[in-house]
Amino acid sequence: MAETDEQLAHEWASGETVDLAIRRQSPPDDKTAFPGFMWLGGFKSDMAGTKADVMVQTAAEIGAPSLRFDYSGHGVSGGKFIHGTISRWVDESLSVLRAKTGGPQILVGSSMGGWIALRLMQRLRETGETHRVAALLLIAPAPDFTSELMEPAFSDAQRKALVRDGFFQEPTAYSDEPNVITRALIEDGRNNITLTPGLKLGCPIRILQGMA
């Protein structure tokens, strides 16, 4: 099976439109006994990574469909990273799920993608669409990372920059370009907290976690 390159024009709540880059792989005649696999990437990562490649290869080996895409501001999708928030990326993921998949999907969420997957399931429960998801496969998931990991580690200078400028920059080992952390990302993260008592998702979950 070969992947095809596609696009989806997604409209944000502000009325702006962004083009999301998608790669989709389907069995011949779209007939399969397996759920599809949908990739949800991490913070500042893209769909060309090795873990996404393995997902696509595994799906092909068992004759299952697969889909991967880049959030806005990531990879080859449109939009700017500094405009991104968890809410926007969840909305985009929901649009891709609805428009580009058929039948139940296994959501494969890596790092921040694990958070996106949890929020997607909460949204689908609200709209009675949990039939769209067969299971979650989360790889080193990082739900609530903006409030649980980022905020406690901010320096006084970074906190002041968020208030004064609306953002600050920090070096990253994964790119020559610094990460830009915005006040919008942090504030929106607080509105997307998932790890609370009574969390119910309604589907099987498997988590891969470790240092090796």
N, C-alpha and C. Protein backbone atom coordinates (compact mmCIF):
# COMPACT_ATOMS: atom_id res chain seq x y z
N MET A 1 0.85 -1.20 0.00
CA MET A 1 0.00 0.00 0.00
C MET A 1 0.88 1.24 0.00
N ALA A 2 0.52 2.22 -0.78
CA ALA A 2 1.27 3.47 -0.84
C ALA A 2 0.48 4.59 -0.18
N GLU A 3 1.20 5.51 0.44
CA GLU A 3 0.54 6.67 1.04
C GLU A 3 0.24 7.71 -0.02
N THR A 4 -0.85 8.42 0.16
CA THR A 4 -1.20 9.54 -0.72
C THR A 4 -1.13 10.82 0.10
N ASP A 5 -0.67 11.89 -0.53
CA ASP A 5 -0.60 13.20 0.12
C ASP A 5 -1.90 13.95 -0.11
N GLU A 6 -2.49 14.45 0.96
CA GLU A 6 -3.75 15.17 0.87
C GLU A 6 -3.68 16.42 1.73
N GLN A 7 -4.70 17.25 1.62
CA GLN A 7 -4.83 18.44 2.46
C GLN A 7 -6.25 18.58 2.96
N LEU A 8 -6.39 19.22 4.10
CA LEU A 8 -7.71 19.55 4.63
C LEU A 8 -7.68 21.01 5.06
N ALA A 9 -8.60 21.80 4.53
CA ALA A 9 -8.72 23.20 4.94
C ALA A 9 -9.56 23.24 6.22
N HIS A 10 -8.94 23.65 7.30
CA HIS A 10 -9.62 23.70 8.60
C HIS A 10 -9.85 25.15 9.00
N GLU A 11 -11.06 25.45 9.43
CA GLU A 11 -11.39 26.82 9.86
C GLU A 11 -11.35 26.91 11.37
N TRP A 12 -10.51 27.81 11.88
CA TRP A 12 -10.45 28.06 13.30
C TRP A 12 -11.67 28.85 13.76
N ALA A 13 -11.88 28.90 15.06
CA ALA A 13 -13.01 29.64 15.61
C ALA A 13 -12.94 31.13 15.26
N SER A 14 -11.74 31.63 15.01
CA SER A 14 -11.57 33.04 14.65
C SER A 14 -12.03 33.35 13.23
N GLY A 15 -12.29 32.29 12.43
CA GLY A 15 -12.67 32.48 11.04
C GLY A 15 -11.52 32.30 10.07
N GLU A 16 -10.28 32.25 10.60
CA GLU A 16 -9.11 32.00 9.75
C GLU A 16 -9.12 30.54 9.28
N THR A 17 -8.53 30.30 8.11
CA THR A 17 -8.44 28.96 7.57
C THR A 17 -6.98 28.55 7.47
N VAL A 18 -6.70 27.30 7.81
CA VAL A 18 -5.34 26.77 7.72
C VAL A 18 -5.39 25.44 6.96
N ASP A 19 -4.41 25.20 6.11
CA ASP A 19 -4.31 23.96 5.36
C ASP A 19 -3.48 22.95 6.13
N LEU A 20 -4.09 21.80 6.44
CA LEU A 20 -3.41 20.74 7.17
C LEU A 20 -2.91 19.68 6.20
N ALA A 21 -1.64 19.34 6.29
CA ALA A 21 -1.04 18.32 5.43
C ALA A 21 -1.30 16.94 6.01
N ILE A 22 -1.73 16.02 5.14
CA ILE A 22 -2.14 14.68 5.56
C ILE A 22 -1.50 13.64 4.65
N ARG A 23 -1.11 12.51 5.21
CA ARG A 23 -0.70 11.35 4.43
C ARG A 23 -1.58 10.18 4.84
N ARG A 24 -2.21 9.56 3.83
CA ARG A 24 -3.17 8.51 4.12
C ARG A 24 -2.84 7.26 3.32
N GLN A 25 -3.03 6.12 3.95
CA GLN A 25 -2.78 4.83 3.33
C GLN A 25 -4.02 3.96 3.51
N SER A 26 -4.52 3.40 2.42
CA SER A 26 -5.74 2.60 2.46
C SER A 26 -5.51 1.26 1.80
N PRO A 27 -6.11 0.17 2.35
CA PRO A 27 -6.02 -1.14 1.71
C PRO A 27 -6.76 -1.12 0.37
N PRO A 28 -6.46 -2.07 -0.52
CA PRO A 28 -7.21 -2.16 -1.78
C PRO A 28 -8.70 -2.28 -1.52
N ASP A 29 -9.47 -1.49 -2.26
CA ASP A 29 -10.95 -1.51 -2.14
C ASP A 29 -11.44 -1.08 -0.77
N ASP A 30 -10.52 -0.52 0.06
CA ASP A 30 -10.88 -0.05 1.40
C ASP A 30 -11.50 -1.14 2.27
N LYS A 31 -11.19 -2.41 1.97
CA LYS A 31 -11.75 -3.52 2.75
C LYS A 31 -10.70 -4.01 3.74
N THR A 32 -11.05 -4.02 5.01
CA THR A 32 -10.13 -4.47 6.04
C THR A 32 -10.91 -4.92 7.26
N ALA A 33 -10.34 -5.88 7.97
CA ALA A 33 -10.97 -6.35 9.20
C ALA A 33 -10.43 -5.62 10.42
N PHE A 34 -9.50 -4.70 10.19
CA PHE A 34 -8.83 -4.02 11.29
C PHE A 34 -9.28 -2.57 11.40
N PRO A 35 -9.24 -2.01 12.62
CA PRO A 35 -9.42 -0.56 12.74
C PRO A 35 -8.28 0.17 12.04
N GLY A 36 -8.50 1.44 11.72
CA GLY A 36 -7.43 2.25 11.17
C GLY A 36 -6.51 2.75 12.28
N PHE A 37 -5.36 3.28 11.88
CA PHE A 37 -4.41 3.87 12.82
C PHE A 37 -4.27 5.36 12.48
N MET A 38 -4.43 6.23 13.46
CA MET A 38 -4.31 7.67 13.25
C MET A 38 -3.23 8.23 14.16
N TRP A 39 -2.25 8.88 13.56
CA TRP A 39 -1.10 9.41 14.29
C TRP A 39 -1.38 10.80 14.85
N LEU A 40 -1.03 10.99 16.12
CA LEU A 40 -1.11 12.30 16.77
C LEU A 40 0.27 12.60 17.34
N GLY A 41 0.97 13.54 16.72
CA GLY A 41 2.37 13.79 17.05
C GLY A 41 2.58 14.65 18.29
N GLY A 42 3.83 14.86 18.60
CA GLY A 42 4.20 15.60 19.79
C GLY A 42 4.43 17.08 19.52
N PHE A 43 4.81 17.79 20.57
CA PHE A 43 5.05 19.22 20.56
C PHE A 43 6.24 19.54 19.66
N LYS A 44 6.01 20.30 18.60
CA LYS A 44 7.02 20.70 17.63
C LYS A 44 7.62 19.52 16.85
N SER A 45 6.98 18.36 16.86
CA SER A 45 7.41 17.26 16.02
C SER A 45 6.52 17.22 14.78
N ASP A 46 6.81 16.31 13.86
CA ASP A 46 6.00 16.24 12.64
C ASP A 46 5.74 14.79 12.26
N MET A 47 4.97 14.60 11.20
CA MET A 47 4.53 13.26 10.83
C MET A 47 5.60 12.45 10.13
N ALA A 48 6.78 13.02 9.90
CA ALA A 48 7.86 12.32 9.21
C ALA A 48 8.79 11.59 10.16
N GLY A 49 8.47 11.56 11.44
CA GLY A 49 9.35 10.93 12.43
C GLY A 49 9.34 9.42 12.36
N THR A 50 10.31 8.81 13.04
CA THR A 50 10.47 7.36 12.97
C THR A 50 9.30 6.60 13.60
N LYS A 51 8.74 7.12 14.69
CA LYS A 51 7.62 6.41 15.33
C LYS A 51 6.40 6.40 14.41
N ALA A 52 6.14 7.51 13.73
CA ALA A 52 5.03 7.56 12.78
C ALA A 52 5.29 6.61 11.61
N ASP A 53 6.55 6.53 11.18
CA ASP A 53 6.90 5.60 10.10
C ASP A 53 6.59 4.17 10.50
N VAL A 54 6.94 3.80 11.72
CA VAL A 54 6.69 2.44 12.20
C VAL A 54 5.19 2.16 12.25
N MET A 55 4.39 3.13 12.68
CA MET A 55 2.94 2.95 12.70
C MET A 55 2.42 2.63 11.30
N VAL A 56 2.88 3.42 10.32
CA VAL A 56 2.42 3.23 8.93
C VAL A 56 2.85 1.86 8.41
N GLN A 57 4.09 1.47 8.69
CA GLN A 57 4.60 0.18 8.23
C GLN A 57 3.83 -0.97 8.87
N THR A 58 3.56 -0.85 10.16
CA THR A 58 2.82 -1.90 10.86
C THR A 58 1.41 -2.03 10.31
N ALA A 59 0.76 -0.90 10.07
CA ALA A 59 -0.59 -0.92 9.50
C ALA A 59 -0.59 -1.61 8.14
N ALA A 60 0.41 -1.30 7.32
CA ALA A 60 0.49 -1.91 5.99
C ALA A 60 0.68 -3.42 6.08
N GLU A 61 1.48 -3.86 7.05
CA GLU A 61 1.77 -5.29 7.20
C GLU A 61 0.52 -6.09 7.55
N ILE A 62 -0.40 -5.51 8.30
CA ILE A 62 -1.61 -6.24 8.68
C ILE A 62 -2.81 -5.88 7.81
N GLY A 63 -2.59 -4.99 6.82
CA GLY A 63 -3.67 -4.63 5.92
C GLY A 63 -4.66 -3.64 6.49
N ALA A 64 -4.19 -2.78 7.41
CA ALA A 64 -5.06 -1.77 8.03
C ALA A 64 -4.77 -0.40 7.43
N PRO A 65 -5.78 0.47 7.37
CA PRO A 65 -5.53 1.84 6.91
C PRO A 65 -4.77 2.64 7.96
N SER A 66 -4.10 3.68 7.52
CA SER A 66 -3.40 4.57 8.45
C SER A 66 -3.47 5.99 7.95
N LEU A 67 -3.34 6.91 8.88
CA LEU A 67 -3.36 8.34 8.55
C LEU A 67 -2.44 9.07 9.51
N ARG A 68 -1.65 9.98 8.97
CA ARG A 68 -0.85 10.86 9.79
C ARG A 68 -0.95 12.27 9.22
N PHE A 69 -0.79 13.25 10.09
CA PHE A 69 -0.90 14.63 9.63
C PHE A 69 -0.09 15.52 10.55
N ASP A 70 0.11 16.75 10.09
CA ASP A 70 0.81 17.76 10.89
C ASP A 70 -0.20 18.77 11.42
N TYR A 71 -0.13 19.07 12.71
CA TYR A 71 -0.92 20.17 13.25
C TYR A 71 -0.49 21.48 12.58
N SER A 72 -1.30 22.50 12.68
CA SER A 72 -0.89 23.81 12.19
C SER A 72 0.38 24.25 12.89
N GLY A 73 1.28 24.89 12.12
CA GLY A 73 2.55 25.33 12.69
C GLY A 73 3.56 24.23 12.86
N HIS A 74 3.24 23.03 12.41
CA HIS A 74 4.14 21.88 12.51
C HIS A 74 4.40 21.33 11.10
N GLY A 75 5.60 20.80 10.90
CA GLY A 75 5.90 20.11 9.65
C GLY A 75 5.57 20.93 8.41
N VAL A 76 4.78 20.33 7.51
CA VAL A 76 4.45 20.98 6.25
C VAL A 76 3.03 21.53 6.21
N SER A 77 2.36 21.56 7.35
CA SER A 77 1.04 22.21 7.41
C SER A 77 1.20 23.72 7.45
N GLY A 78 0.12 24.43 7.14
CA GLY A 78 0.14 25.88 7.19
C GLY A 78 0.05 26.39 8.62
N GLY A 79 0.03 27.71 8.74
CA GLY A 79 -0.08 28.33 10.05
C GLY A 79 1.27 28.50 10.72
N LYS A 80 1.29 29.30 11.78
CA LYS A 80 2.51 29.57 12.53
C LYS A 80 2.44 28.90 13.89
N PHE A 81 3.56 28.34 14.31
CA PHE A 81 3.60 27.64 15.58
C PHE A 81 3.19 28.55 16.74
N ILE A 82 3.59 29.80 16.69
CA ILE A 82 3.31 30.71 17.81
C ILE A 82 1.82 30.97 17.98
N HIS A 83 1.02 30.64 16.98
CA HIS A 83 -0.43 30.81 17.11
C HIS A 83 -1.11 29.55 17.65
N GLY A 84 -0.33 28.50 17.87
CA GLY A 84 -0.90 27.23 18.27
C GLY A 84 -1.25 27.15 19.74
N THR A 85 -2.29 26.39 20.03
CA THR A 85 -2.69 26.06 21.40
C THR A 85 -3.21 24.63 21.41
N ILE A 86 -3.34 24.06 22.58
CA ILE A 86 -3.89 22.71 22.69
C ILE A 86 -5.30 22.68 22.10
N SER A 87 -6.11 23.67 22.40
CA SER A 87 -7.49 23.70 21.87
C SER A 87 -7.50 23.69 20.35
N ARG A 88 -6.63 24.48 19.74
CA ARG A 88 -6.59 24.52 18.28
C ARG A 88 -6.16 23.17 17.70
N TRP A 89 -5.15 22.57 18.31
CA TRP A 89 -4.67 21.30 17.77
C TRP A 89 -5.67 20.18 18.01
N VAL A 90 -6.42 20.24 19.10
CA VAL A 90 -7.50 19.26 19.31
C VAL A 90 -8.59 19.45 18.25
N ASP A 91 -8.98 20.70 18.01
CA ASP A 91 -9.99 20.98 16.99
C ASP A 91 -9.55 20.47 15.62
N GLU A 92 -8.30 20.69 15.28
CA GLU A 92 -7.78 20.24 13.99
C GLU A 92 -7.80 18.72 13.90
N SER A 93 -7.40 18.06 14.98
CA SER A 93 -7.39 16.59 15.00
C SER A 93 -8.80 16.03 14.84
N LEU A 94 -9.77 16.69 15.48
CA LEU A 94 -11.15 16.24 15.35
C LEU A 94 -11.65 16.41 13.92
N SER A 95 -11.29 17.50 13.27
CA SER A 95 -11.68 17.71 11.88
C SER A 95 -11.09 16.64 10.97
N VAL A 96 -9.81 16.32 11.18
CA VAL A 96 -9.17 15.28 10.36
C VAL A 96 -9.84 13.93 10.60
N LEU A 97 -10.10 13.59 11.85
CA LEU A 97 -10.74 12.32 12.18
C LEU A 97 -12.09 12.21 11.48
N ARG A 98 -12.87 13.27 11.53
CA ARG A 98 -14.21 13.24 10.94
C ARG A 98 -14.17 13.21 9.41
N ALA A 99 -13.26 13.99 8.84
CA ALA A 99 -13.28 14.17 7.38
C ALA A 99 -12.47 13.14 6.62
N LYS A 100 -11.46 12.56 7.25
CA LYS A 100 -10.51 11.75 6.48
C LYS A 100 -10.42 10.29 6.92
N THR A 101 -11.22 9.86 7.89
CA THR A 101 -11.17 8.46 8.30
C THR A 101 -12.55 7.85 8.18
N GLY A 102 -12.56 6.53 7.96
CA GLY A 102 -13.81 5.79 7.93
C GLY A 102 -13.69 4.59 8.84
N GLY A 103 -14.70 4.33 9.64
CA GLY A 103 -14.61 3.24 10.60
C GLY A 103 -13.82 3.63 11.82
N PRO A 104 -13.84 2.79 12.84
CA PRO A 104 -13.14 3.12 14.09
C PRO A 104 -11.63 3.19 13.90
N GLN A 105 -11.00 4.06 14.68
CA GLN A 105 -9.55 4.28 14.60
C GLN A 105 -8.87 3.96 15.92
N ILE A 106 -7.64 3.52 15.84
CA ILE A 106 -6.75 3.46 17.00
C ILE A 106 -5.94 4.75 16.99
N LEU A 107 -6.13 5.60 17.99
CA LEU A 107 -5.40 6.85 18.07
C LEU A 107 -4.03 6.58 18.68
N VAL A 108 -2.98 6.85 17.92
CA VAL A 108 -1.62 6.62 18.39
C VAL A 108 -1.03 7.98 18.73
N GLY A 109 -0.96 8.28 20.02
CA GLY A 109 -0.52 9.60 20.46
C GLY A 109 0.84 9.56 21.12
N SER A 110 1.78 10.35 20.59
CA SER A 110 3.13 10.41 21.14
C SER A 110 3.33 11.71 21.90
N SER A 111 3.80 11.61 23.15
CA SER A 111 4.09 12.79 23.97
C SER A 111 2.85 13.71 24.04
N MET A 112 2.93 14.94 23.49
CA MET A 112 1.76 15.81 23.50
C MET A 112 0.58 15.16 22.78
N GLY A 113 0.87 14.31 21.80
CA GLY A 113 -0.20 13.61 21.09
C GLY A 113 -1.04 12.75 22.01
N GLY A 114 -0.45 12.28 23.13
CA GLY A 114 -1.23 11.56 24.12
C GLY A 114 -2.26 12.46 24.78
N TRP A 115 -1.88 13.69 25.05
CA TRP A 115 -2.82 14.68 25.60
C TRP A 115 -3.92 14.98 24.59
N ILE A 116 -3.52 15.17 23.33
CA ILE A 116 -4.51 15.44 22.28
C ILE A 116 -5.50 14.28 22.19
N ALA A 117 -5.00 13.04 22.28
CA ALA A 117 -5.87 11.87 22.19
C ALA A 117 -6.90 11.85 23.33
N LEU A 118 -6.45 12.15 24.54
CA LEU A 118 -7.38 12.18 25.68
C LEU A 118 -8.45 13.26 25.50
N ARG A 119 -8.03 14.43 25.06
CA ARG A 119 -9.00 15.51 24.85
C ARG A 119 -9.95 15.18 23.69
N LEU A 120 -9.44 14.50 22.68
CA LEU A 120 -10.30 14.07 21.58
C LEU A 120 -11.40 13.14 22.09
N MET A 121 -11.03 12.19 22.93
CA MET A 121 -12.03 11.26 23.46
C MET A 121 -13.06 11.99 24.31
N GLN A 122 -12.62 12.98 25.08
CA GLN A 122 -13.58 13.76 25.86
C GLN A 122 -14.55 14.51 24.96
N ARG A 123 -14.03 15.08 23.89
CA ARG A 123 -14.88 15.79 22.93
C ARG A 123 -15.87 14.83 22.26
N LEU A 124 -15.39 13.65 21.90
CA LEU A 124 -16.25 12.68 21.22
C LEU A 124 -17.33 12.15 22.16
N ARG A 125 -17.02 12.03 23.44
CA ARG A 125 -18.05 11.63 24.41
C ARG A 125 -19.14 12.69 24.49
N GLU A 126 -18.74 13.96 24.42
CA GLU A 126 -19.71 15.05 24.50
C GLU A 126 -20.67 15.04 23.31
N THR A 127 -20.18 14.62 22.14
CA THR A 127 -20.99 14.65 20.92
C THR A 127 -21.55 13.29 20.54
N GLY A 128 -21.36 12.27 21.39
CA GLY A 128 -21.88 10.94 21.10
C GLY A 128 -21.20 10.26 19.93
N GLU A 129 -19.88 10.52 19.75
CA GLU A 129 -19.15 9.97 18.61
C GLU A 129 -18.03 9.03 19.03
N THR A 130 -18.15 8.40 20.18
CA THR A 130 -17.07 7.53 20.63
C THR A 130 -16.90 6.31 19.73
N HIS A 131 -17.90 6.02 18.89
CA HIS A 131 -17.77 4.90 17.95
C HIS A 131 -16.64 5.13 16.94
N ARG A 132 -16.18 6.37 16.82
CA ARG A 132 -15.09 6.68 15.89
C ARG A 132 -13.75 6.15 16.37
N VAL A 133 -13.62 5.79 17.64
CA VAL A 133 -12.34 5.36 18.20
C VAL A 133 -12.46 3.95 18.78
N ALA A 134 -11.53 3.07 18.36
CA ALA A 134 -11.50 1.70 18.87
C ALA A 134 -10.64 1.58 20.11
N ALA A 135 -9.56 2.35 20.18
CA ALA A 135 -8.63 2.25 21.30
C ALA A 135 -7.63 3.40 21.23
N LEU A 136 -6.90 3.59 22.32
CA LEU A 136 -5.81 4.56 22.38
C LEU A 136 -4.50 3.81 22.60
N LEU A 137 -3.48 4.16 21.84
CA LEU A 137 -2.13 3.68 22.05
C LEU A 137 -1.26 4.91 22.29
N LEU A 138 -0.81 5.09 23.52
CA LEU A 138 -0.11 6.31 23.91
C LEU A 138 1.36 6.00 24.18
N ILE A 139 2.24 6.77 23.52
CA ILE A 139 3.68 6.55 23.62
C ILE A 139 4.29 7.68 24.45
N ALA A 140 4.76 7.35 25.66
CA ALA A 140 5.29 8.37 26.57
C ALA A 140 4.38 9.60 26.60
N PRO A 141 3.10 9.41 26.93
CA PRO A 141 2.14 10.52 26.84
C PRO A 141 2.47 11.64 27.83
N ALA A 142 2.14 12.86 27.43
CA ALA A 142 2.44 14.03 28.26
C ALA A 142 1.20 14.90 28.46
N PRO A 143 0.12 14.32 29.01
CA PRO A 143 -1.06 15.15 29.26
C PRO A 143 -0.76 16.23 30.30
N ASP A 144 -1.37 17.39 30.10
CA ASP A 144 -1.27 18.51 31.05
C ASP A 144 0.16 19.02 31.22
N PHE A 145 1.03 18.81 30.22
CA PHE A 145 2.44 19.13 30.41
C PHE A 145 2.70 20.62 30.57
N THR A 146 1.84 21.47 30.02
CA THR A 146 2.10 22.90 30.17
C THR A 146 1.98 23.35 31.62
N SER A 147 1.00 22.78 32.33
CA SER A 147 0.81 23.17 33.74
C SER A 147 1.60 22.31 34.71
N GLU A 148 1.81 21.02 34.36
CA GLU A 148 2.49 20.10 35.27
C GLU A 148 4.01 20.14 35.13
N LEU A 149 4.50 20.39 33.92
CA LEU A 149 5.95 20.35 33.69
C LEU A 149 6.55 21.72 33.38
N MET A 150 5.89 22.47 32.49
CA MET A 150 6.46 23.75 32.07
C MET A 150 6.36 24.81 33.15
N GLU A 151 5.15 25.10 33.58
CA GLU A 151 4.94 26.22 34.49
C GLU A 151 5.79 26.15 35.76
N PRO A 152 5.86 24.98 36.44
CA PRO A 152 6.67 24.94 37.67
C PRO A 152 8.14 25.22 37.42
N ALA A 153 8.61 25.02 36.17
CA ALA A 153 10.04 25.20 35.88
C ALA A 153 10.37 26.59 35.35
N PHE A 154 9.37 27.43 35.14
CA PHE A 154 9.64 28.77 34.61
C PHE A 154 10.47 29.58 35.61
N SER A 155 11.44 30.31 35.08
CA SER A 155 12.21 31.24 35.91
C SER A 155 11.41 32.52 36.10
N ASP A 156 11.84 33.35 37.03
CA ASP A 156 11.17 34.64 37.24
C ASP A 156 11.22 35.48 35.97
N ALA A 157 12.35 35.44 35.28
CA ALA A 157 12.49 36.21 34.04
C ALA A 157 11.52 35.72 32.97
N GLN A 158 11.32 34.43 32.88
CA GLN A 158 10.38 33.89 31.90
C GLN A 158 8.94 34.26 32.24
N ARG A 159 8.61 34.21 33.51
CA ARG A 159 7.25 34.59 33.91
C ARG A 159 6.98 36.07 33.60
N LYS A 160 7.98 36.90 33.85
CA LYS A 160 7.82 38.32 33.54
C LYS A 160 7.69 38.55 32.05
N ALA A 161 8.46 37.79 31.24
CA ALA A 161 8.38 37.93 29.78
C ALA A 161 7.01 37.53 29.27
N LEU A 162 6.42 36.49 29.85
CA LEU A 162 5.08 36.07 29.43
C LEU A 162 4.06 37.18 29.67
N VAL A 163 4.17 37.84 30.81
CA VAL A 163 3.25 38.93 31.13
C VAL A 163 3.53 40.15 30.26
N ARG A 164 4.80 40.48 30.12
CA ARG A 164 5.19 41.70 29.41
C ARG A 164 5.06 41.55 27.88
N ASP A 165 5.58 40.46 27.34
CA ASP A 165 5.68 40.29 25.89
C ASP A 165 4.68 39.29 25.31
N GLY A 166 4.13 38.43 26.18
CA GLY A 166 3.23 37.39 25.69
C GLY A 166 3.95 36.14 25.24
N PHE A 167 5.27 36.10 25.38
CA PHE A 167 6.04 34.91 24.98
C PHE A 167 7.46 35.02 25.53
N PHE A 168 8.18 33.89 25.48
CA PHE A 168 9.63 33.90 25.66
C PHE A 168 10.21 32.77 24.82
N GLN A 169 11.51 32.82 24.57
CA GLN A 169 12.18 31.81 23.78
C GLN A 169 13.12 31.01 24.67
N GLU A 170 13.27 29.71 24.35
CA GLU A 170 14.21 28.88 25.08
C GLU A 170 14.87 27.90 24.10
N PRO A 171 16.14 27.60 24.31
CA PRO A 171 16.83 26.65 23.41
C PRO A 171 16.27 25.26 23.55
N THR A 172 16.38 24.46 22.48
CA THR A 172 15.93 23.08 22.50
C THR A 172 16.98 22.20 21.84
N ALA A 173 17.11 20.99 22.34
CA ALA A 173 18.09 20.04 21.79
C ALA A 173 17.62 19.45 20.48
N TYR A 174 16.36 19.70 20.12
CA TYR A 174 15.79 19.05 18.93
C TYR A 174 15.82 19.93 17.68
N SER A 175 16.28 21.17 17.81
CA SER A 175 16.27 22.06 16.66
C SER A 175 17.27 23.19 16.88
N ASP A 176 17.72 23.77 15.77
CA ASP A 176 18.58 24.95 15.85
C ASP A 176 17.75 26.19 16.23
N GLU A 177 16.46 26.12 15.95
CA GLU A 177 15.57 27.23 16.28
C GLU A 177 15.07 27.07 17.72
N PRO A 178 15.00 28.15 18.49
CA PRO A 178 14.50 28.04 19.87
C PRO A 178 13.01 27.76 19.91
N ASN A 179 12.56 27.14 20.99
CA ASN A 179 11.13 27.01 21.23
C ASN A 179 10.57 28.37 21.63
N VAL A 180 9.43 28.71 21.11
CA VAL A 180 8.74 29.93 21.52
C VAL A 180 7.54 29.51 22.37
N ILE A 181 7.56 29.86 23.62
CA ILE A 181 6.48 29.52 24.54
C ILE A 181 5.61 30.75 24.73
N THR A 182 4.34 30.64 24.39
CA THR A 182 3.45 31.80 24.44
C THR A 182 2.53 31.76 25.65
N ARG A 183 2.10 32.93 26.06
CA ARG A 183 1.12 33.02 27.15
C ARG A 183 -0.18 32.33 26.76
N ALA A 184 -0.56 32.42 25.47
CA ALA A 184 -1.79 31.78 25.00
C ALA A 184 -1.71 30.27 25.18
N LEU A 185 -0.54 29.67 24.88
CA LEU A 185 -0.38 28.23 25.04
C LEU A 185 -0.55 27.84 26.50
N ILE A 186 0.07 28.58 27.39
CA ILE A 186 0.03 28.25 28.82
C ILE A 186 -1.39 28.42 29.37
N GLU A 187 -2.02 29.54 29.05
CA GLU A 187 -3.38 29.79 29.58
C GLU A 187 -4.37 28.79 29.01
N ASP A 188 -4.24 28.47 27.73
CA ASP A 188 -5.14 27.50 27.12
C ASP A 188 -4.91 26.11 27.70
N GLY A 189 -3.65 25.79 28.02
CA GLY A 189 -3.37 24.49 28.62
C GLY A 189 -4.14 24.28 29.90
N ARG A 190 -4.30 25.34 30.69
CA ARG A 190 -5.06 25.22 31.94
C ARG A 190 -6.52 24.89 31.68
N ASN A 191 -7.02 25.26 30.51
CA ASN A 191 -8.42 24.98 30.16
C ASN A 191 -8.61 23.60 29.55
N ASN A 192 -7.51 22.84 29.41
CA ASN A 192 -7.58 21.51 28.80
C ASN A 192 -7.04 20.42 29.72
N ILE A 193 -7.03 20.67 31.02
CA ILE A 193 -6.55 19.68 31.98
C ILE A 193 -7.38 18.39 31.85
N THR A 194 -6.70 17.27 31.80
CA THR A 194 -7.41 15.99 31.64
C THR A 194 -7.25 15.06 32.84
N LEU A 195 -6.12 15.11 33.51
CA LEU A 195 -5.87 14.16 34.59
C LEU A 195 -6.54 14.62 35.88
N THR A 196 -7.85 14.45 35.91
CA THR A 196 -8.66 14.84 37.06
C THR A 196 -9.44 13.62 37.54
N PRO A 197 -9.89 13.62 38.79
CA PRO A 197 -10.69 12.49 39.28
C PRO A 197 -11.94 12.30 38.41
N GLY A 198 -12.27 11.05 38.16
CA GLY A 198 -13.48 10.76 37.39
C GLY A 198 -13.28 10.77 35.89
N LEU A 199 -12.03 10.81 35.42
CA LEU A 199 -11.77 10.78 33.98
C LEU A 199 -12.32 9.49 33.38
N LYS A 200 -13.20 9.61 32.40
CA LYS A 200 -13.77 8.45 31.72
C LYS A 200 -13.60 8.63 30.22
N LEU A 201 -13.09 7.57 29.58
CA LEU A 201 -12.84 7.65 28.14
C LEU A 201 -13.70 6.66 27.36
N GLY A 202 -13.92 5.48 27.89
CA GLY A 202 -14.82 4.55 27.24
C GLY A 202 -14.20 3.72 26.14
N CYS A 203 -12.87 3.49 26.19
CA CYS A 203 -12.23 2.63 25.21
C CYS A 203 -10.97 2.05 25.82
N PRO A 204 -10.46 0.94 25.25
CA PRO A 204 -9.20 0.36 25.77
C PRO A 204 -8.05 1.34 25.58
N ILE A 205 -7.10 1.31 26.53
CA ILE A 205 -5.92 2.19 26.46
C ILE A 205 -4.68 1.35 26.74
N ARG A 206 -3.65 1.52 25.91
CA ARG A 206 -2.35 0.91 26.18
C ARG A 206 -1.30 2.03 26.16
N ILE A 207 -0.40 1.98 27.14
CA ILE A 207 0.62 3.03 27.27
C ILE A 207 2.01 2.40 27.18
N LEU A 208 2.84 2.94 26.31
CA LEU A 208 4.25 2.54 26.20
C LEU A 208 5.08 3.61 26.90
N GLN A 209 5.82 3.22 27.94
CA GLN A 209 6.56 4.20 28.72
C GLN A 209 7.87 3.59 29.17
N GLY A 210 8.97 4.31 29.02
CA GLY A 210 10.25 3.79 29.51
C GLY A 210 11.39 4.62 28.99
N MET A 211 12.57 4.37 29.49
CA MET A 211 13.74 5.13 29.10
C MET A 211 14.51 4.48 27.96
N ALA A 212 14.22 3.22 27.64
CA ALA A 212 14.94 2.52 26.56
C ALA A 212 14.08 2.53 25.31
